[in-house]
Protein backbone atom coordinates (compact mmCIF):
# COMPACT_ATOMS: atom_id res chain seq x y z
CA ASN A 1 -0.13 0.41 0.29
CA LYS A 2 0.51 3.60 -0.09
CA GLU A 3 1.67 3.72 3.52
CA THR A 4 4.20 1.07 3.25
CA THR A 5 6.06 2.28 -0.04
CA SER A 6 6.32 6.04 1.54
CA LYS A 7 7.92 4.70 4.24
CA LYS A 8 10.61 2.31 2.62
CA VAL A 9 11.45 4.55 0.38
CA PHE A 10 11.94 7.68 3.19
CA PHE A 11 13.88 5.17 4.66
CA GLY A 12 15.48 3.81 1.87
CA LEU A 13 16.39 7.49 1.14
CA ILE A 14 17.95 7.07 4.52
CA TRP A 15 19.86 4.15 4.11
CA MET A 16 21.14 5.68 0.46
CA TYR A 17 22.85 9.16 1.41
CA LEU A 18 24.46 7.69 4.61
CA GLU A 19 25.74 5.15 2.32
CA ARG A 20 26.73 7.60 -0.29
CA PHE A 21 27.56 10.48 1.82
CA LEU A 22 29.86 8.28 4.02
CA ALA A 23 31.54 5.87 0.85
CA GLN A 24 32.39 9.15 -0.80
CA GLY A 25 33.39 11.15 2.24
CA ILE A 26 35.76 8.60 2.99
CA SER A 27 36.86 8.43 -0.53
CA LEU A 28 37.01 12.29 -0.82
CA LEU A 29 39.83 12.30 2.06
CA VAL A 30 41.61 9.19 0.99
CA SER A 31 41.93 10.99 -2.63
CA ILE A 32 42.94 13.84 -1.09
CA VAL A 33 45.67 11.71 0.46
CA LEU A 34 47.02 9.83 -2.30
CA ALA A 35 46.80 13.44 -5.13
CA ARG A 36 49.26 14.10 -2.13
CA LEU A 37 51.64 11.04 -2.46
CA LEU A 38 51.17 10.68 -6.23
CA LEU A 39 51.89 12.42 -9.52
CA PRO A 40 49.03 13.51 -11.37
CA ASP A 41 51.13 11.54 -14.45
CA ASP A 42 50.23 8.49 -12.36
CA TYR A 43 46.72 9.27 -11.89
CA GLY A 44 46.52 10.32 -15.56
CA VAL A 45 47.83 6.76 -16.89
CA ILE A 46 44.48 4.96 -14.26
CA ALA A 47 42.57 7.80 -16.00
CA ILE A 48 43.92 6.65 -19.40
CA VAL A 49 42.78 2.21 -18.87
CA GLN A 50 39.66 3.80 -16.82
CA ILE A 51 38.63 4.40 -19.97
CA PHE A 52 38.60 1.47 -21.24
CA ILE A 53 37.96 -0.46 -18.24
CA SER A 54 33.98 2.01 -17.81
CA ILE A 55 32.96 1.06 -21.04
CA ALA A 56 33.45 -2.87 -20.88
CA ASN A 57 31.53 -2.25 -17.43
CA VAL A 58 28.55 -1.32 -19.15
CA PHE A 59 28.20 -4.67 -21.56
CA VAL A 60 28.33 -6.55 -17.66
CA GLY A 61 25.24 -6.05 -16.67
CA ASP A 62 23.58 -2.56 -16.87
CA GLY A 63 20.23 -2.97 -18.48
CA PHE A 64 19.42 -5.98 -17.12
CA ALA A 65 19.37 -5.23 -13.64
CA SER A 66 16.92 -2.33 -13.99
CA ALA A 67 14.88 -4.80 -15.93
CA LEU A 68 15.25 -7.27 -12.59
CA VAL A 69 14.27 -4.03 -10.65
CA GLN A 70 11.25 -3.41 -12.84
CA LYS A 71 9.73 -7.13 -13.38
CA LYS A 72 6.52 -7.59 -11.42
CA GLU A 73 7.57 -10.78 -10.37
CA CYS A 74 10.88 -12.44 -9.68
CA LYS A 75 12.50 -15.69 -9.32
CA ASP A 76 15.73 -17.14 -8.28
CA ILE A 77 16.04 -18.63 -11.41
CA ASP A 78 15.83 -14.60 -13.12
CA TYR A 79 18.65 -13.83 -10.57
CA SER A 80 20.60 -17.02 -10.82
CA THR A 81 20.15 -17.05 -15.26
CA VAL A 82 21.13 -13.07 -15.53
CA THR A 83 24.16 -13.39 -13.32
CA ILE A 84 25.04 -16.59 -15.35
CA PHE A 85 25.17 -14.72 -18.81
CA SER A 86 26.37 -11.42 -17.51
CA VAL A 87 29.61 -13.16 -15.89
CA SER A 88 30.18 -15.54 -18.82
CA TYR A 89 30.01 -12.00 -21.12
CA SER A 90 32.10 -10.50 -19.03
CA LEU A 91 35.01 -13.08 -19.41
CA VAL A 92 34.63 -12.78 -23.27
CA LEU A 93 34.87 -8.70 -22.55
CA TYR A 94 37.74 -9.59 -20.08
CA ALA A 95 39.75 -12.11 -22.70
CA ILE A 96 39.76 -8.75 -25.73
CA LEU A 97 40.70 -6.37 -22.86
CA PHE A 98 44.00 -8.96 -22.09
CA PHE A 99 44.68 -9.08 -25.78
CA ALA A 100 43.86 -5.18 -27.00
CA ALA A 101 45.73 -4.58 -24.22
CA PRO A 102 49.39 -3.59 -26.19
CA TYR A 103 47.32 -1.85 -28.88
CA ILE A 104 45.59 0.55 -26.71
CA ALA A 105 49.10 0.93 -24.83
CA ALA A 106 51.17 1.13 -28.38
CA PHE A 107 48.21 3.92 -29.03
CA TYR A 108 49.14 6.23 -26.04
CA GLU A 109 53.09 4.93 -26.21
CA ASN A 110 52.98 4.31 -22.34
CA PRO A 111 54.05 0.46 -22.18
CA LEU A 112 52.78 0.60 -18.43
CA ILE A 113 49.16 0.27 -19.64
CA VAL A 114 49.35 -2.55 -20.25
CA PRO A 115 49.75 -4.65 -17.45
CA ILE A 116 47.62 -2.28 -15.49
CA ILE A 117 44.74 -2.98 -18.04
CA ARG A 118 44.88 -6.67 -17.72
CA VAL A 119 44.81 -6.06 -13.89
CA MET A 120 41.74 -3.93 -13.58
CA ALA A 121 40.08 -5.62 -15.86
CA ILE A 122 39.63 -8.74 -13.42
CA ARG A 123 36.90 -6.26 -12.41
CA LEU A 124 34.47 -7.27 -14.32
CA PRO A 125 33.47 -10.85 -13.92
CA ILE A 126 32.89 -9.82 -9.85
CA ALA A 127 30.68 -6.56 -11.64
CA GLY A 128 29.04 -9.55 -13.41
CA ILE A 129 27.76 -10.89 -9.67
CA ASN A 130 28.21 -7.22 -7.98
CA THR A 131 25.32 -5.88 -10.26
CA VAL A 132 22.58 -8.65 -9.37
CA GLN A 133 23.21 -8.04 -6.09
CA ARG A 134 22.42 -4.72 -6.16
CA ALA A 135 19.36 -5.68 -7.94
CA ILE A 136 18.66 -7.51 -5.17
CA VAL A 137 18.64 -5.05 -3.31
CA SER A 138 16.93 -2.10 -4.98
CA ARG A 139 13.80 -4.44 -5.81
CA LYS A 140 13.14 -5.33 -1.30
CA MET A 141 14.44 -2.10 -1.16
CA ILE A 142 17.03 -3.07 1.76
CA PHE A 143 18.97 -0.04 1.00
CA ARG A 144 20.84 -0.80 4.45
CA LYS A 145 22.54 -3.82 3.37
CA PHE A 146 24.06 -1.49 0.19
CA PHE A 147 25.65 1.13 3.29
CA PHE A 148 27.73 -1.58 5.36
CA ALA A 149 28.89 -3.32 1.82
CA THR A 150 30.14 -0.24 0.47
CA LEU A 151 31.55 1.06 3.96
CA GLY A 152 32.97 -1.57 4.67
CA GLY A 153 35.11 -1.72 1.16
CA THR A 154 35.92 2.02 0.61
CA ILE A 155 37.25 1.41 4.27
CA ILE A 156 39.45 -1.57 3.32
CA SER A 157 40.61 -0.56 0.03
CA ALA A 158 41.25 2.94 1.37
CA VAL A 159 43.68 1.76 3.81
CA ILE A 160 45.31 -0.52 0.98
CA GLY A 161 45.77 2.07 -1.52
CA ILE A 162 47.20 5.22 1.27
CA MET A 163 49.85 1.96 2.24
CA LEU A 164 51.30 1.11 -1.59
CA ALA A 165 51.23 4.69 -2.29
CA TYR A 166 53.65 5.37 0.85
CA MET A 167 55.22 2.48 -0.15
CA GLY A 168 56.12 4.32 -3.38
CA PHE A 169 54.21 1.66 -5.35
CA GLY A 170 52.93 4.83 -7.72
CA ALA A 171 49.98 4.43 -10.14
CA TRP A 172 49.70 1.00 -8.55
CA ALA A 173 48.52 1.75 -5.46
CA LEU A 174 45.74 2.82 -7.64
CA VAL A 175 45.45 -0.25 -8.90
CA ALA A 176 44.88 -2.14 -5.92
CA GLN A 177 42.60 0.60 -3.78
CA TYR A 178 40.21 -0.22 -7.43
CA LEU A 179 39.70 -3.58 -7.39
CA SER A 180 39.96 -4.87 -3.58
CA ASN A 181 36.85 -1.89 -3.02
CA CYS A 182 34.44 -4.10 -5.45
CA VAL A 183 35.84 -7.31 -4.65
CA ILE A 184 35.32 -6.92 -0.55
CA ASP A 185 31.95 -5.30 -1.89
CA THR A 186 30.21 -7.98 -3.11
CA ILE A 187 31.82 -10.40 -0.89
CA TRP A 188 29.93 -8.87 1.29
CA LEU A 189 26.82 -8.21 -0.60
CA SER A 190 26.75 -12.18 -1.05
CA VAL A 191 27.02 -12.48 2.92
CA SER A 192 24.33 -10.34 4.53
CA LEU A 193 22.21 -11.01 1.09
CA HIS A 194 22.53 -14.98 1.98
CA TRP A 195 22.45 -15.41 -1.97
CA PHE A 196 24.82 -16.53 -4.41
CA PRO A 197 24.97 -17.63 -7.67
CA ARG A 198 23.75 -21.02 -8.71
CA PHE A 199 23.41 -22.75 -12.03
CA LYS A 200 20.03 -23.01 -12.80
CA PHE A 201 19.43 -21.17 -16.28
CA SER A 202 16.43 -20.04 -18.40
CA PHE A 203 16.34 -19.10 -21.45
CA GLU A 204 12.56 -18.09 -21.27
CA SER A 205 13.67 -15.48 -18.35
CA LEU A 206 16.75 -14.80 -20.12
CA LYS A 207 14.17 -13.61 -22.99
CA SER A 208 12.51 -11.59 -20.92
CA VAL A 209 15.00 -9.41 -19.66
CA VAL A 210 16.62 -8.69 -22.45
CA SER A 211 13.49 -7.65 -24.51
CA TYR A 212 13.23 -5.03 -21.52
CA GLY A 213 17.13 -4.57 -21.24
CA TRP A 214 18.77 -3.93 -24.39
CA LYS A 215 17.78 -0.77 -24.79
CA LEU A 216 18.85 0.77 -21.13
CA LEU A 217 22.27 -1.14 -22.13
CA ALA A 218 22.12 0.45 -25.21
CA THR A 219 21.13 3.51 -23.41
CA SER A 220 24.32 2.92 -21.11
CA ILE A 221 26.61 2.03 -24.13
CA LEU A 222 25.52 5.08 -25.70
CA THR A 223 26.26 7.66 -23.23
CA THR A 224 29.29 6.10 -22.03
CA ALA A 225 30.85 5.92 -24.93
CA TYR A 226 30.01 9.57 -25.66
CA SER A 227 30.86 10.49 -22.17
CA GLN A 228 34.60 8.80 -22.46
CA SER A 229 34.77 9.57 -25.91
CA ARG A 230 36.19 13.41 -24.49
CA SER A 231 38.67 11.62 -22.45
CA ILE A 232 39.69 9.79 -25.48
CA ILE A 233 39.82 12.97 -27.04
CA ILE A 234 42.15 15.18 -24.40
CA SER A 235 44.12 12.02 -23.32
CA LYS A 236 46.01 11.82 -26.81
CA ARG A 237 45.87 15.18 -28.00
CA TYR A 238 46.98 16.37 -25.09
CA THR A 239 48.29 14.68 -22.32
CA SER A 240 47.78 12.39 -19.63
CA ALA A 241 48.57 15.41 -16.74
CA ASP A 242 45.50 17.18 -18.66
CA LEU A 243 42.96 14.75 -18.39
CA ALA A 244 44.26 13.84 -14.65
CA TYR A 245 43.35 17.60 -14.04
CA VAL A 246 39.56 17.10 -15.85
CA VAL A 247 39.19 13.67 -14.14
CA LYS A 248 39.95 15.24 -10.32
CA SER A 249 37.91 18.68 -11.31
CA GLU A 250 35.25 16.22 -12.18
CA GLN A 251 35.34 14.33 -8.42
CA PHE A 252 34.57 17.15 -6.92
CA PRO A 253 31.09 18.08 -7.47
CA ASN A 254 30.55 14.34 -8.77
CA ILE A 255 30.44 13.91 -5.25
CA LEU A 256 28.22 16.56 -4.74
CA SER A 257 25.79 15.71 -7.04
CA ASN A 258 25.65 11.89 -7.66
CA ASN A 259 25.45 11.29 -3.53
CA ILE A 260 22.38 13.20 -4.22
CA ASN A 261 20.67 11.60 -7.83
CA THR A 262 22.12 8.13 -7.30
CA SER A 263 20.56 7.74 -3.77
CA ILE A 264 17.26 9.22 -4.94
CA SER A 265 17.52 7.15 -8.21
CA GLN A 266 18.09 4.20 -7.15
CA VAL A 267 14.67 4.44 -3.99
CA LEU A 268 13.00 6.18 -6.82
CA PHE A 269 12.85 3.35 -9.82
CA PRO A 270 11.96 0.96 -7.32
CA ALA A 271 9.01 2.97 -5.72
CA LEU A 272 7.76 4.46 -9.68
CA SER A 273 7.95 0.99 -11.04
CA SER A 274 4.86 -0.46 -7.70
CA TYR A 275 3.34 2.65 -9.26
CA GLN A 276 3.35 2.43 -13.02
CA ASP A 277 0.24 2.25 -14.07
CA ASP A 278 -0.80 5.49 -11.98
CA GLY A 279 -0.44 8.75 -13.82
CA GLU A 280 -0.70 11.46 -10.43
CA ARG A 281 1.13 9.13 -8.28
CA LEU A 282 4.13 8.88 -10.75
CA LYS A 283 3.37 13.00 -11.06
CA GLN A 284 4.15 13.06 -7.41
CA ILE A 285 7.05 11.26 -6.29
CA SER A 286 8.63 12.73 -9.60
CA ARG A 287 8.12 15.83 -8.57
CA ARG A 288 9.24 16.17 -4.89
CA ALA A 289 12.45 14.12 -6.34
CA VAL A 290 12.70 16.83 -8.10
CA GLN A 291 12.37 19.49 -5.70
CA ILE A 292 14.41 18.19 -2.23
CA SER A 293 17.39 17.25 -5.09
CA SER A 294 17.30 20.75 -6.11
CA PHE A 295 16.95 22.33 -3.18
CA ILE A 296 19.95 20.62 -1.51
CA ILE A 297 22.45 20.16 -4.57
CA ALA A 298 22.17 23.53 -6.06
CA PRO A 299 23.43 25.48 -3.45
CA MET A 300 26.15 23.24 -3.31
CA LEU A 301 27.65 22.83 -7.04
CA ILE A 302 27.53 26.66 -7.32
CA GLY A 303 29.09 27.51 -3.43
CA LEU A 304 31.47 24.40 -4.28
CA ALA A 305 32.45 26.44 -7.90
CA SER A 306 33.10 29.92 -5.52
CA ILE A 307 35.85 28.16 -3.13
CA SER A 308 37.41 25.56 -5.86
CA GLU A 309 40.08 27.95 -6.11
CA GLU A 310 41.12 27.97 -2.15
CA LEU A 311 39.62 24.30 -2.00
CA ILE A 312 41.98 23.14 -4.30
CA SER A 313 45.15 25.13 -3.13
CA LEU A 314 44.28 23.71 0.00
CA LEU A 315 43.77 20.04 -0.22
CA LEU A 316 45.63 19.35 -3.19
CA THR A 317 48.33 21.42 -3.23
CA LYS A 318 49.17 24.08 -5.82
CA ARG A 319 50.16 21.34 -7.82
CA TRP A 320 46.43 20.67 -8.75
CA ILE A 321 45.73 24.22 -9.39
CA ASP A 322 45.31 24.18 -13.44
CA CYS A 323 42.10 21.94 -12.17
CA VAL A 324 40.02 25.37 -10.98
CA PRO A 325 38.62 26.44 -14.18
CA TYR A 326 37.30 22.42 -14.74
CA MET A 327 35.72 22.27 -11.73
CA GLN A 328 33.76 25.44 -12.29
CA ILE A 329 32.03 24.23 -15.27
CA TYR A 330 31.26 20.55 -13.94
CA CYS A 331 29.83 22.35 -11.33
CA LEU A 332 27.45 23.90 -13.95
CA ILE A 333 26.57 20.62 -15.64
CA TYR A 334 26.13 18.59 -12.33
CA LEU A 335 23.12 21.15 -11.74
CA LEU A 336 20.63 19.66 -14.42
CA GLN A 337 21.04 15.89 -12.71
CA PRO A 338 18.60 16.16 -11.19
CA ILE A 339 15.90 16.87 -13.70
CA GLN A 340 17.72 14.10 -16.10
CA THR A 341 17.27 11.98 -13.29
CA ALA A 342 13.30 12.00 -12.23
CA ALA A 343 13.35 11.97 -16.13
CA LEU A 344 15.20 8.66 -17.22
CA GLN A 345 13.86 7.35 -14.13
CA CYS A 346 9.87 7.62 -15.12
CA MET A 347 10.95 6.00 -18.50
CA LYS A 348 12.10 3.21 -16.85
CA ALA A 349 9.44 2.43 -14.62
CA VAL A 350 6.61 2.38 -16.84
CA GLY A 351 8.77 0.55 -19.88
CA ARG A 352 9.29 2.92 -21.86
CA SER A 353 13.11 2.11 -21.96
CA ASP A 354 12.52 2.44 -26.50
CA TYR A 355 12.26 6.55 -25.25
CA ASN A 356 15.48 6.97 -22.82
CA LEU A 357 17.50 4.89 -25.79
CA LYS A 358 16.09 7.68 -28.36
CA LEU A 359 17.03 10.51 -26.56
CA GLN A 360 20.92 9.31 -25.95
CA ILE A 361 21.10 8.86 -29.33
CA LEU A 362 20.16 12.29 -30.57
CA LYS A 363 21.95 14.00 -27.00
CA SER A 364 25.73 11.74 -28.24
CA ALA A 365 25.53 13.03 -31.87
CA PHE A 366 24.78 16.69 -30.73
CA GLY A 367 27.31 15.50 -28.34
CA LEU A 368 29.72 14.73 -30.73
CA LEU A 369 29.10 17.45 -33.03
CA THR A 370 29.68 19.98 -30.30
CA VAL A 371 33.14 18.13 -29.33
CA PHE A 372 34.06 18.11 -33.23
CA ILE A 373 33.19 21.91 -33.47
CA THR A 374 35.01 22.80 -30.49
CA LEU A 375 37.69 20.82 -31.88
CA LEU A 376 37.59 22.86 -35.26
CA TYR A 377 37.16 26.12 -33.88
CA PHE A 378 38.82 26.86 -29.66
CA ASP A 379 41.73 23.38 -29.81
CA SER A 380 41.46 23.57 -26.20
CA VAL A 381 40.92 21.48 -23.02
CA SER A 382 39.03 24.19 -21.40
CA ALA A 383 36.56 24.17 -25.07
CA ILE A 384 36.19 19.94 -24.98
CA VAL A 385 35.23 20.27 -21.32
CA THR A 386 32.41 23.52 -21.81
CA SER A 387 31.56 21.61 -25.13
CA ALA A 388 30.03 18.77 -22.78
CA LEU A 389 27.78 22.01 -20.81
CA VAL A 390 26.15 22.84 -23.72
CA THR A 391 25.26 19.31 -24.22
CA GLU A 392 23.53 18.80 -20.85
CA ILE A 393 21.68 21.75 -21.55
CA PHE A 394 20.35 20.39 -24.69
CA ALA A 395 19.23 16.51 -23.13
CA THR A 396 17.68 18.56 -20.09
CA VAL A 397 15.00 20.14 -23.19
CA LEU A 398 14.70 17.16 -25.00
CA ASN A 399 14.17 15.34 -21.58
CA LEU A 400 10.85 18.04 -20.30
CA PRO A 401 8.28 17.26 -23.07
CA ILE A 402 8.86 13.23 -22.98
CA VAL A 403 7.68 13.15 -19.10
CA GLN A 404 4.85 15.73 -19.26
CA LYS A 405 3.74 12.63 -21.81
CA LEU A 406 4.14 10.15 -20.29
CA ILE A 407 3.23 11.13 -16.17
CA GLY A 408 1.74 14.60 -17.11
CA TYR A 409 4.44 16.73 -15.21
CA SER A 410 4.00 19.85 -17.46
CA ILE A 411 7.17 21.59 -19.00
CA PHE A 412 6.41 24.59 -17.12
CA GLU A 413 6.44 22.19 -13.08
CA GLN A 414 9.70 20.77 -14.31
CA LEU A 415 11.27 23.92 -14.99
CA LEU A 416 10.06 25.67 -12.19
CA ASP A 417 11.00 23.19 -9.44
CA ALA A 418 14.25 22.58 -10.96
CA ALA A 419 15.15 26.60 -11.30
CA THR A 420 13.61 28.47 -8.76
CA PRO A 421 16.55 26.87 -6.48
CA ILE A 422 19.64 27.24 -9.02
CA LEU A 423 18.03 30.76 -9.15
CA LEU A 424 18.65 31.44 -5.28
CA SER A 425 21.76 30.26 -5.43
CA GLY A 426 23.23 32.62 -8.53
CA THR A 427 22.31 35.19 -6.17
CA MET A 428 24.26 33.45 -3.07
CA PHE A 429 26.85 33.62 -6.19
CA THR A 430 27.04 36.77 -7.28
CA VAL A 431 27.03 38.24 -3.31
CA VAL A 432 30.04 35.53 -2.30
CA GLN A 433 32.29 36.63 -5.16
CA SER A 434 31.64 39.88 -4.50
CA LEU A 435 32.70 40.25 -0.50
CA PRO A 436 36.84 42.12 -0.32
CA ILE A 437 38.30 39.11 0.70
CA GLY A 438 41.39 38.54 -1.66
CA ASN A 439 44.16 39.50 1.05
CA PHE A 440 43.32 37.31 3.24
CA GLY A 441 44.69 33.77 3.72
CA ILE A 442 42.91 30.49 2.30
CA VAL A 443 41.08 28.92 5.54
CA PHE A 444 39.59 32.03 6.26
CA ARG A 445 38.48 33.11 2.60
CA MET A 446 37.03 29.51 2.49
CA ILE A 447 35.13 29.46 5.74
CA LEU A 448 34.07 33.26 5.32
CA LYS A 449 32.71 32.21 1.41
CA ILE A 450 30.76 29.33 3.02
CA ALA A 451 29.61 31.05 5.78
CA VAL A 452 28.09 34.39 4.01
CA GLY A 453 26.61 31.69 1.31
CA ALA A 454 24.74 29.59 3.20
CA THR A 455 23.21 32.36 5.77
CA ILE A 456 22.05 34.27 2.26
CA TYR A 457 20.62 30.86 0.96
CA ILE A 458 18.50 30.38 4.14
CA ILE A 459 17.46 33.59 4.14
CA LEU A 460 16.06 33.74 0.07
CA SER A 461 14.77 29.92 0.89
CA VAL A 462 12.96 30.87 3.68
CA ILE A 463 11.34 34.47 1.89
């Protein structure tokens, strides 16, 4: 019933927020320590490898896990079937990356890529199991399981990464942290869920999952390939250090935005799926999700853009100061995430993943066009990052009429719910940036900006 679902949504959000903020908070602290111990070139090598791991990882579970959550009835054989299929598929992908590694290394003229990509790709078959585990948790809305698994994996892998970095292992410290986190998370979830893959397979089950999930999988492939295209261009046309600056600059706004958006989407999708035939209820839940996430995310991102120079200098040292302009652009990009997240979950919940696929095709085509124009007329890293902002604005505009058609959430209501906090935050930013504090120390400037900004935003929100 509605009351039970509301409680599950509420407590699910609490657990997801705790999981995201604590895990990402620890990860942020670890990344700060590692950034002080390692060089941008070390991060650059890992960032290059991550391009190919991320693309391969999409094939392992994206789409099929969502199909498990969306199904009205899901049995153990469905979970086992998807697990067997995903793991088998991931082993093929691992073999492809294993033999492709020398060619990738030759393309980037860096032989260290060969062993690193072969080791990091071990994550793929592990992810085949982990994806199904997360689908079980989402379907049953027992998100506290995420909390403990993610927290345990994050802490233990953090210790491993820092120890190896301190001992002088360079990029391999990041590899060890990455792999150990995935392994521990998967083992922890297996034990806490009391669920382990069984050798049961059903072609009928696989057919039903694939018929729904292939569109989401294709969408994820397009999304990942498009998003990684900029990294491929930056790392090849410029330097691995430039790629490291871009990747590191995205980390802070990504943590702020995705912690909230991931938490909401993880809870929103199963909640919306349970009301997939009730348009009015879908609109109510979606609208509240946009309002809450925008209200929280907008001031945090705009505030982060305001203190970006002080934050980078204080936490990462002047060695990473080139991150500042990129970080400010990413803060604007992630402002648009709440409205896009709600739109995506609506399309998935009502079974219209075809809309999402079509929209992603348009977004990817437009994004690649902007990258091409950027390279042709501007040819700079900043211009390439800015092209991502233009594409996000385009994608947001495309989503608006689809959501209105599916659940009656009008274009005006969507814009109003997302834009109001952004306008308040923009006013806050203008005031903070005009403060005459240029001669003060870094710590004092940052604290003063945060205090003044928070006060202004709260007052404007009350008004």
